[in-house]
Amino acid sequence: MAGLDIQAIQDAKDAINEEKTPHSDFMRVAMNGTIFLIAVDAVASVVRPAVVTPVPMAPDHLIGVTNIRGQICCIIDAGKVMKLSEPVQEKNTQTRFLLLRHERVHLVLWVDSIADLYSIPTSDIPADDGGKYRQGLLHIGDEELPILRISALLD
């Protein structure tokens, strides 16, 4: 067995195991002047804004409804739900609708922009900090970004 490099074999095994580390994907979005991370698996699709129809006497956080691929969807202003100080920005080329995964309703978040996508090792995702709308803070580079708790918006 001369010439067999045990350390090289172990390094190769370690590299393969590192690639199998479970990851979670997040998108960096701007809503109401605030940056959040949203878990990609909570979003069914991302679409460009369509025609928004206001709903008379609707709750303050309901912007209106829209038709996305034949489904009537409620568009919410998450900033009003979370009581953020900035209003939703006017629709522009950066605005997107995030169709959320939910078993009963077709719910859309109005986001001002989507900046980046991140694949984070699951072990690096912070434990739940107990915030109502914030699951925790994730360190990316030299920033601390809040992870938005989508389920809290649906309650």
N, C-alpha and C. Protein backbone atom coordinates (compact mmCIF):
# COMPACT_ATOMS: atom_id res chain seq x y z
N MET A 1 0.81 -1.18 0.00
CA MET A 1 0.00 0.00 0.00
C MET A 1 0.86 1.26 0.00
N ALA A 2 2.01 1.17 -0.58
CA ALA A 2 2.88 2.33 -0.65
C ALA A 2 2.27 3.38 -1.56
N GLY A 3 2.44 4.63 -1.23
CA GLY A 3 1.96 5.72 -2.06
C GLY A 3 0.52 6.12 -1.78
N LEU A 4 -0.16 5.46 -0.87
CA LEU A 4 -1.55 5.80 -0.53
C LEU A 4 -1.53 6.95 0.46
N ASP A 5 -2.11 8.08 0.07
CA ASP A 5 -2.11 9.28 0.90
C ASP A 5 -3.42 9.34 1.70
N ILE A 6 -3.37 8.83 2.92
CA ILE A 6 -4.55 8.76 3.77
C ILE A 6 -5.11 10.16 4.04
N GLN A 7 -4.25 11.14 4.25
CA GLN A 7 -4.71 12.50 4.53
C GLN A 7 -5.46 13.08 3.32
N ALA A 8 -4.97 12.82 2.11
CA ALA A 8 -5.65 13.32 0.91
C ALA A 8 -7.04 12.69 0.78
N ILE A 9 -7.15 11.41 1.11
CA ILE A 9 -8.44 10.73 1.05
C ILE A 9 -9.39 11.34 2.08
N GLN A 10 -8.91 11.57 3.29
CA GLN A 10 -9.75 12.17 4.33
C GLN A 10 -10.17 13.58 3.95
N ASP A 11 -9.26 14.36 3.37
CA ASP A 11 -9.60 15.72 2.92
C ASP A 11 -10.69 15.68 1.86
N ALA A 12 -10.59 14.73 0.94
CA ALA A 12 -11.61 14.59 -0.11
C ALA A 12 -12.96 14.22 0.50
N LYS A 13 -12.97 13.31 1.48
CA LYS A 13 -14.21 12.94 2.16
C LYS A 13 -14.81 14.14 2.89
N ASP A 14 -13.97 14.91 3.55
CA ASP A 14 -14.45 16.10 4.26
C ASP A 14 -15.06 17.11 3.29
N ALA A 15 -14.44 17.28 2.13
CA ALA A 15 -14.96 18.21 1.12
C ALA A 15 -16.32 17.76 0.62
N ILE A 16 -16.48 16.45 0.41
CA ILE A 16 -17.78 15.92 -0.03
C ILE A 16 -18.83 16.14 1.05
N ASN A 17 -18.48 15.89 2.30
CA ASN A 17 -19.43 16.07 3.39
C ASN A 17 -19.82 17.53 3.57
N GLU A 18 -18.88 18.45 3.33
CA GLU A 18 -19.19 19.88 3.43
C GLU A 18 -20.22 20.27 2.39
N GLU A 19 -20.14 19.69 1.19
CA GLU A 19 -21.09 20.00 0.14
C GLU A 19 -22.49 19.51 0.49
N LYS A 20 -22.59 18.51 1.35
CA LYS A 20 -23.89 17.96 1.72
C LYS A 20 -24.49 18.66 2.93
N THR A 21 -23.84 19.69 3.42
CA THR A 21 -24.37 20.44 4.56
C THR A 21 -25.70 21.05 4.15
N PRO A 22 -26.75 20.83 4.94
CA PRO A 22 -28.05 21.40 4.57
C PRO A 22 -28.01 22.93 4.59
N HIS A 23 -28.66 23.53 3.61
CA HIS A 23 -28.71 24.98 3.48
C HIS A 23 -30.16 25.43 3.42
N SER A 24 -30.39 26.67 3.80
CA SER A 24 -31.68 27.32 3.63
C SER A 24 -31.45 28.56 2.78
N ASP A 25 -32.39 28.82 1.89
CA ASP A 25 -32.25 29.96 0.99
C ASP A 25 -33.12 31.12 1.46
N PHE A 26 -32.54 32.32 1.37
CA PHE A 26 -33.23 33.54 1.78
C PHE A 26 -33.10 34.58 0.69
N MET A 27 -34.12 35.43 0.58
CA MET A 27 -34.03 36.58 -0.32
C MET A 27 -34.01 37.85 0.53
N ARG A 28 -33.21 38.78 0.07
CA ARG A 28 -33.10 40.07 0.76
C ARG A 28 -34.07 41.02 0.07
N VAL A 29 -35.03 41.52 0.84
CA VAL A 29 -36.05 42.39 0.27
C VAL A 29 -36.11 43.70 1.04
N ALA A 30 -36.56 44.73 0.35
CA ALA A 30 -36.83 46.03 0.99
C ALA A 30 -38.34 46.21 1.03
N MET A 31 -38.85 46.48 2.22
CA MET A 31 -40.27 46.77 2.41
C MET A 31 -40.39 47.96 3.34
N ASN A 32 -41.12 48.96 2.91
CA ASN A 32 -41.39 50.12 3.75
C ASN A 32 -40.10 50.72 4.33
N GLY A 33 -39.07 50.79 3.52
CA GLY A 33 -37.81 51.40 3.95
C GLY A 33 -36.97 50.54 4.87
N THR A 34 -37.33 49.28 5.06
CA THR A 34 -36.60 48.38 5.95
C THR A 34 -36.17 47.15 5.16
N ILE A 35 -34.97 46.65 5.46
CA ILE A 35 -34.44 45.46 4.81
C ILE A 35 -34.77 44.23 5.65
N PHE A 36 -35.26 43.19 5.01
CA PHE A 36 -35.57 41.92 5.67
C PHE A 36 -35.03 40.77 4.85
N LEU A 37 -34.87 39.63 5.50
CA LEU A 37 -34.63 38.37 4.81
C LEU A 37 -35.92 37.57 4.90
N ILE A 38 -36.29 36.96 3.79
CA ILE A 38 -37.48 36.12 3.73
C ILE A 38 -37.06 34.75 3.23
N ALA A 39 -37.49 33.71 3.92
CA ALA A 39 -37.17 32.34 3.50
C ALA A 39 -37.80 32.07 2.14
N VAL A 40 -36.99 31.59 1.21
CA VAL A 40 -37.47 31.32 -0.14
C VAL A 40 -38.57 30.27 -0.13
N ASP A 41 -38.49 29.30 0.77
CA ASP A 41 -39.51 28.25 0.80
C ASP A 41 -40.87 28.74 1.27
N ALA A 42 -40.97 29.98 1.79
CA ALA A 42 -42.26 30.55 2.18
C ALA A 42 -42.93 31.26 1.01
N VAL A 43 -42.22 31.37 -0.11
CA VAL A 43 -42.70 32.12 -1.27
C VAL A 43 -43.00 31.15 -2.41
N ALA A 44 -44.23 31.20 -2.92
CA ALA A 44 -44.62 30.35 -4.04
C ALA A 44 -44.09 30.90 -5.36
N SER A 45 -44.14 32.23 -5.52
CA SER A 45 -43.61 32.84 -6.74
C SER A 45 -43.39 34.33 -6.53
N VAL A 46 -42.57 34.88 -7.41
CA VAL A 46 -42.27 36.31 -7.43
C VAL A 46 -42.75 36.82 -8.78
N VAL A 47 -43.61 37.83 -8.76
CA VAL A 47 -44.15 38.36 -10.02
C VAL A 47 -44.04 39.88 -10.04
N ARG A 48 -44.03 40.40 -11.26
CA ARG A 48 -44.07 41.85 -11.41
C ARG A 48 -45.49 42.32 -11.06
N PRO A 49 -45.61 43.52 -10.54
CA PRO A 49 -46.93 44.00 -10.13
C PRO A 49 -47.91 44.04 -11.30
N ALA A 50 -49.13 43.67 -10.99
CA ALA A 50 -50.21 43.74 -11.96
C ALA A 50 -51.17 44.83 -11.50
N VAL A 51 -52.30 44.89 -12.13
CA VAL A 51 -53.32 45.87 -11.75
C VAL A 51 -53.82 45.56 -10.35
N VAL A 52 -53.86 46.58 -9.51
CA VAL A 52 -54.33 46.43 -8.13
C VAL A 52 -55.71 47.08 -8.03
N THR A 53 -56.66 46.30 -7.56
CA THR A 53 -58.02 46.81 -7.39
C THR A 53 -58.26 47.05 -5.90
N PRO A 54 -58.54 48.30 -5.52
CA PRO A 54 -58.82 48.58 -4.11
C PRO A 54 -60.09 47.86 -3.66
N VAL A 55 -60.14 47.55 -2.37
CA VAL A 55 -61.31 46.89 -1.78
C VAL A 55 -61.94 47.87 -0.79
N PRO A 56 -63.18 48.31 -1.07
CA PRO A 56 -63.83 49.26 -0.16
C PRO A 56 -64.00 48.66 1.24
N MET A 57 -63.79 49.49 2.24
CA MET A 57 -63.98 49.15 3.65
C MET A 57 -63.10 47.98 4.10
N ALA A 58 -61.98 47.76 3.43
CA ALA A 58 -61.05 46.69 3.80
C ALA A 58 -60.18 47.16 4.97
N PRO A 59 -59.55 46.23 5.67
CA PRO A 59 -58.61 46.63 6.73
C PRO A 59 -57.50 47.51 6.16
N ASP A 60 -56.91 48.31 7.00
CA ASP A 60 -55.89 49.28 6.61
C ASP A 60 -54.69 48.63 5.91
N HIS A 61 -54.33 47.41 6.31
CA HIS A 61 -53.15 46.76 5.75
C HIS A 61 -53.41 46.07 4.40
N LEU A 62 -54.67 45.99 3.97
CA LEU A 62 -54.99 45.38 2.68
C LEU A 62 -54.93 46.45 1.59
N ILE A 63 -53.91 46.35 0.74
CA ILE A 63 -53.73 47.32 -0.34
C ILE A 63 -54.82 47.14 -1.39
N GLY A 64 -55.16 45.91 -1.67
CA GLY A 64 -56.17 45.61 -2.67
C GLY A 64 -56.06 44.17 -3.09
N VAL A 65 -56.65 43.84 -4.24
CA VAL A 65 -56.57 42.49 -4.79
C VAL A 65 -56.04 42.57 -6.21
N THR A 66 -55.49 41.45 -6.67
CA THR A 66 -54.99 41.36 -8.03
C THR A 66 -55.20 39.95 -8.54
N ASN A 67 -55.14 39.80 -9.84
CA ASN A 67 -55.29 38.50 -10.48
C ASN A 67 -53.90 38.01 -10.87
N ILE A 68 -53.48 36.88 -10.30
CA ILE A 68 -52.19 36.27 -10.65
C ILE A 68 -52.48 34.87 -11.17
N ARG A 69 -52.27 34.69 -12.45
CA ARG A 69 -52.50 33.39 -13.12
C ARG A 69 -53.88 32.82 -12.81
N GLY A 70 -54.88 33.68 -12.87
CA GLY A 70 -56.26 33.24 -12.68
C GLY A 70 -56.72 33.14 -11.24
N GLN A 71 -55.87 33.47 -10.30
CA GLN A 71 -56.22 33.43 -8.87
C GLN A 71 -56.35 34.86 -8.35
N ILE A 72 -57.43 35.14 -7.65
CA ILE A 72 -57.59 36.45 -7.02
C ILE A 72 -56.79 36.42 -5.72
N CYS A 73 -55.85 37.35 -5.60
CA CYS A 73 -54.92 37.38 -4.46
C CYS A 73 -55.06 38.70 -3.70
N CYS A 74 -55.02 38.61 -2.38
CA CYS A 74 -55.03 39.79 -1.51
C CYS A 74 -53.60 40.31 -1.36
N ILE A 75 -53.42 41.60 -1.58
CA ILE A 75 -52.10 42.22 -1.46
C ILE A 75 -52.05 42.95 -0.12
N ILE A 76 -51.07 42.59 0.70
CA ILE A 76 -50.98 43.25 2.01
C ILE A 76 -49.73 44.13 2.10
N ASP A 77 -49.86 45.15 2.90
CA ASP A 77 -48.76 46.04 3.25
C ASP A 77 -48.22 45.54 4.59
N ALA A 78 -47.15 44.75 4.55
CA ALA A 78 -46.59 44.17 5.77
C ALA A 78 -46.12 45.26 6.73
N GLY A 79 -45.74 46.40 6.20
CA GLY A 79 -45.30 47.51 7.06
C GLY A 79 -46.40 48.00 7.98
N LYS A 80 -47.63 48.02 7.49
CA LYS A 80 -48.74 48.43 8.36
C LYS A 80 -49.04 47.37 9.39
N VAL A 81 -48.92 46.10 9.01
CA VAL A 81 -49.15 45.02 9.98
C VAL A 81 -48.11 45.10 11.09
N MET A 82 -46.84 45.34 10.70
CA MET A 82 -45.73 45.38 11.67
C MET A 82 -45.53 46.76 12.28
N LYS A 83 -46.33 47.73 11.85
CA LYS A 83 -46.26 49.11 12.34
C LYS A 83 -44.89 49.75 12.07
N LEU A 84 -44.41 49.57 10.83
CA LEU A 84 -43.18 50.24 10.40
C LEU A 84 -43.53 51.69 10.07
N SER A 85 -42.57 52.58 10.24
CA SER A 85 -42.85 54.00 10.09
C SER A 85 -42.98 54.45 8.63
N GLU A 86 -42.28 53.80 7.72
CA GLU A 86 -42.31 54.22 6.32
C GLU A 86 -43.51 53.60 5.60
N PRO A 87 -44.14 54.37 4.69
CA PRO A 87 -45.22 53.78 3.89
C PRO A 87 -44.66 52.95 2.75
N VAL A 88 -45.51 52.17 2.13
CA VAL A 88 -45.12 51.39 0.96
C VAL A 88 -44.76 52.37 -0.15
N GLN A 89 -43.72 52.08 -0.91
CA GLN A 89 -43.31 52.96 -2.01
C GLN A 89 -44.26 52.81 -3.18
N GLU A 90 -44.31 53.84 -3.99
CA GLU A 90 -45.10 53.76 -5.22
C GLU A 90 -44.54 52.67 -6.11
N LYS A 91 -45.40 52.08 -6.94
CA LYS A 91 -44.96 51.03 -7.85
C LYS A 91 -43.93 51.59 -8.82
N ASN A 92 -42.82 50.85 -8.99
CA ASN A 92 -41.77 51.24 -9.93
C ASN A 92 -41.19 49.97 -10.57
N THR A 93 -40.08 50.10 -11.29
CA THR A 93 -39.51 48.94 -11.99
C THR A 93 -38.92 47.91 -11.04
N GLN A 94 -38.65 48.28 -9.79
CA GLN A 94 -38.09 47.36 -8.80
C GLN A 94 -39.15 46.63 -7.98
N THR A 95 -40.37 47.14 -7.97
CA THR A 95 -41.45 46.58 -7.15
C THR A 95 -41.77 45.16 -7.59
N ARG A 96 -41.99 44.28 -6.60
CA ARG A 96 -42.37 42.89 -6.88
C ARG A 96 -43.48 42.47 -5.93
N PHE A 97 -44.26 41.51 -6.37
CA PHE A 97 -45.26 40.86 -5.54
C PHE A 97 -44.72 39.48 -5.18
N LEU A 98 -44.74 39.15 -3.90
CA LEU A 98 -44.35 37.81 -3.44
C LEU A 98 -45.61 37.05 -3.10
N LEU A 99 -45.94 36.05 -3.89
CA LEU A 99 -47.08 35.19 -3.61
C LEU A 99 -46.64 34.18 -2.56
N LEU A 100 -47.26 34.26 -1.38
CA LEU A 100 -46.83 33.42 -0.26
C LEU A 100 -47.49 32.05 -0.31
N ARG A 101 -46.78 31.07 0.25
CA ARG A 101 -47.35 29.72 0.35
C ARG A 101 -48.30 29.69 1.54
N HIS A 102 -49.55 29.39 1.27
CA HIS A 102 -50.55 29.26 2.32
C HIS A 102 -51.63 28.32 1.81
N GLU A 103 -52.12 27.47 2.69
CA GLU A 103 -53.09 26.46 2.26
C GLU A 103 -54.49 27.00 2.01
N ARG A 104 -54.85 28.14 2.64
CA ARG A 104 -56.23 28.61 2.53
C ARG A 104 -56.42 29.86 1.69
N VAL A 105 -55.46 30.77 1.71
CA VAL A 105 -55.65 32.05 1.01
C VAL A 105 -54.50 32.30 0.04
N HIS A 106 -54.79 33.11 -0.95
CA HIS A 106 -53.76 33.55 -1.89
C HIS A 106 -53.34 34.94 -1.43
N LEU A 107 -52.20 35.01 -0.77
CA LEU A 107 -51.75 36.23 -0.14
C LEU A 107 -50.46 36.72 -0.80
N VAL A 108 -50.40 38.02 -1.06
CA VAL A 108 -49.26 38.62 -1.74
C VAL A 108 -48.67 39.71 -0.85
N LEU A 109 -47.33 39.72 -0.74
CA LEU A 109 -46.63 40.82 -0.08
C LEU A 109 -46.14 41.80 -1.14
N TRP A 110 -46.35 43.06 -0.91
CA TRP A 110 -45.82 44.12 -1.77
C TRP A 110 -44.42 44.41 -1.27
N VAL A 111 -43.39 44.20 -2.08
CA VAL A 111 -42.02 44.54 -1.68
C VAL A 111 -41.47 45.58 -2.64
N ASP A 112 -40.70 46.50 -2.10
CA ASP A 112 -40.14 47.59 -2.89
C ASP A 112 -39.06 47.09 -3.84
N SER A 113 -38.30 46.07 -3.39
CA SER A 113 -37.26 45.50 -4.26
C SER A 113 -36.76 44.19 -3.66
N ILE A 114 -36.16 43.39 -4.52
CA ILE A 114 -35.46 42.18 -4.10
C ILE A 114 -34.02 42.39 -4.52
N ALA A 115 -33.10 42.34 -3.55
CA ALA A 115 -31.72 42.68 -3.84
C ALA A 115 -30.84 41.46 -4.10
N ASP A 116 -30.89 40.46 -3.24
CA ASP A 116 -29.97 39.33 -3.32
C ASP A 116 -30.67 38.06 -2.87
N LEU A 117 -30.04 36.93 -3.23
CA LEU A 117 -30.43 35.63 -2.72
C LEU A 117 -29.22 35.06 -1.99
N TYR A 118 -29.47 34.43 -0.84
CA TYR A 118 -28.40 33.85 -0.04
C TYR A 118 -28.74 32.39 0.26
N SER A 119 -27.73 31.54 0.20
CA SER A 119 -27.86 30.16 0.63
C SER A 119 -27.02 30.03 1.90
N ILE A 120 -27.70 29.84 3.03
CA ILE A 120 -27.06 29.87 4.35
C ILE A 120 -27.07 28.46 4.93
N PRO A 121 -25.93 27.98 5.43
CA PRO A 121 -25.95 26.69 6.12
C PRO A 121 -26.97 26.72 7.26
N THR A 122 -27.77 25.69 7.34
CA THR A 122 -28.83 25.64 8.35
C THR A 122 -28.26 25.83 9.76
N SER A 123 -27.06 25.35 9.99
CA SER A 123 -26.44 25.50 11.31
C SER A 123 -26.12 26.95 11.66
N ASP A 124 -26.02 27.83 10.65
CA ASP A 124 -25.72 29.25 10.89
C ASP A 124 -26.96 30.10 11.12
N ILE A 125 -28.14 29.52 10.92
CA ILE A 125 -29.38 30.28 11.10
C ILE A 125 -29.63 30.39 12.60
N PRO A 126 -29.87 31.61 13.07
CA PRO A 126 -30.02 31.81 14.52
C PRO A 126 -31.27 31.13 15.06
N ALA A 127 -31.20 30.78 16.32
CA ALA A 127 -32.38 30.24 17.00
C ALA A 127 -33.44 31.33 17.07
N ASP A 128 -34.66 30.91 17.15
CA ASP A 128 -35.77 31.85 17.22
C ASP A 128 -35.60 32.76 18.44
N ASP A 129 -35.65 34.08 18.21
CA ASP A 129 -35.46 35.01 19.32
C ASP A 129 -36.77 35.44 19.97
N GLY A 130 -37.88 34.86 19.53
CA GLY A 130 -39.16 35.12 20.17
C GLY A 130 -39.86 36.39 19.73
N GLY A 131 -39.28 37.12 18.76
CA GLY A 131 -39.94 38.32 18.28
C GLY A 131 -41.21 37.97 17.51
N LYS A 132 -42.20 38.85 17.57
CA LYS A 132 -43.46 38.54 16.90
C LYS A 132 -43.29 38.43 15.40
N TYR A 133 -42.64 39.39 14.77
CA TYR A 133 -42.47 39.39 13.33
C TYR A 133 -41.06 39.05 12.89
N ARG A 134 -40.15 38.96 13.84
CA ARG A 134 -38.75 38.69 13.52
C ARG A 134 -38.35 37.35 14.12
N GLN A 135 -37.87 36.47 13.26
CA GLN A 135 -37.43 35.16 13.73
C GLN A 135 -36.06 35.23 14.39
N GLY A 136 -35.24 36.16 13.95
CA GLY A 136 -33.90 36.32 14.49
C GLY A 136 -33.10 37.23 13.59
N LEU A 137 -31.84 37.43 13.92
CA LEU A 137 -30.94 38.25 13.12
C LEU A 137 -29.88 37.35 12.50
N LEU A 138 -29.66 37.51 11.22
CA LEU A 138 -28.66 36.72 10.51
C LEU A 138 -27.51 37.64 10.12
N HIS A 139 -26.30 37.21 10.42
CA HIS A 139 -25.10 37.99 10.09
C HIS A 139 -24.66 37.63 8.67
N ILE A 140 -24.69 38.63 7.80
CA ILE A 140 -24.21 38.46 6.43
C ILE A 140 -23.20 39.57 6.18
N GLY A 141 -21.96 39.17 5.98
CA GLY A 141 -20.90 40.17 5.87
C GLY A 141 -20.80 40.93 7.17
N ASP A 142 -20.87 42.25 7.09
CA ASP A 142 -20.81 43.06 8.31
C ASP A 142 -22.19 43.59 8.71
N GLU A 143 -23.25 42.98 8.15
CA GLU A 143 -24.62 43.41 8.47
C GLU A 143 -25.34 42.37 9.32
N GLU A 144 -26.28 42.87 10.12
CA GLU A 144 -27.22 42.02 10.83
C GLU A 144 -28.59 42.26 10.20
N LEU A 145 -29.14 41.23 9.58
CA LEU A 145 -30.41 41.38 8.88
C LEU A 145 -31.49 40.56 9.58
N PRO A 146 -32.66 41.16 9.81
CA PRO A 146 -33.75 40.43 10.46
C PRO A 146 -34.40 39.45 9.48
N ILE A 147 -34.71 38.26 9.99
CA ILE A 147 -35.45 37.27 9.22
C ILE A 147 -36.92 37.48 9.52
N LEU A 148 -37.71 37.76 8.50
CA LEU A 148 -39.14 38.03 8.68
C LEU A 148 -39.88 36.73 8.94
N ARG A 149 -40.70 36.71 9.97
CA ARG A 149 -41.55 35.55 10.29
C ARG A 149 -42.84 35.69 9.49
N ILE A 150 -42.91 35.01 8.37
CA ILE A 150 -44.06 35.08 7.47
C ILE A 150 -45.33 34.60 8.16
N SER A 151 -45.23 33.56 8.96
CA SER A 151 -46.43 33.01 9.62
C SER A 151 -47.12 34.04 10.50
N ALA A 152 -46.37 34.98 11.07
CA ALA A 152 -46.97 36.00 11.92
C ALA A 152 -47.83 36.97 11.11
N LEU A 153 -47.46 37.17 9.84
CA LEU A 153 -48.26 38.05 8.99
C LEU A 153 -49.60 37.40 8.61
N LEU A 154 -49.63 36.10 8.67
CA LEU A 154 -50.83 35.36 8.26
C LEU A 154 -51.81 35.15 9.40
N ASP A 155 -51.42 35.48 10.63
CA ASP A 155 -52.31 35.28 11.78
C ASP A 155 -53.36 36.38 11.88
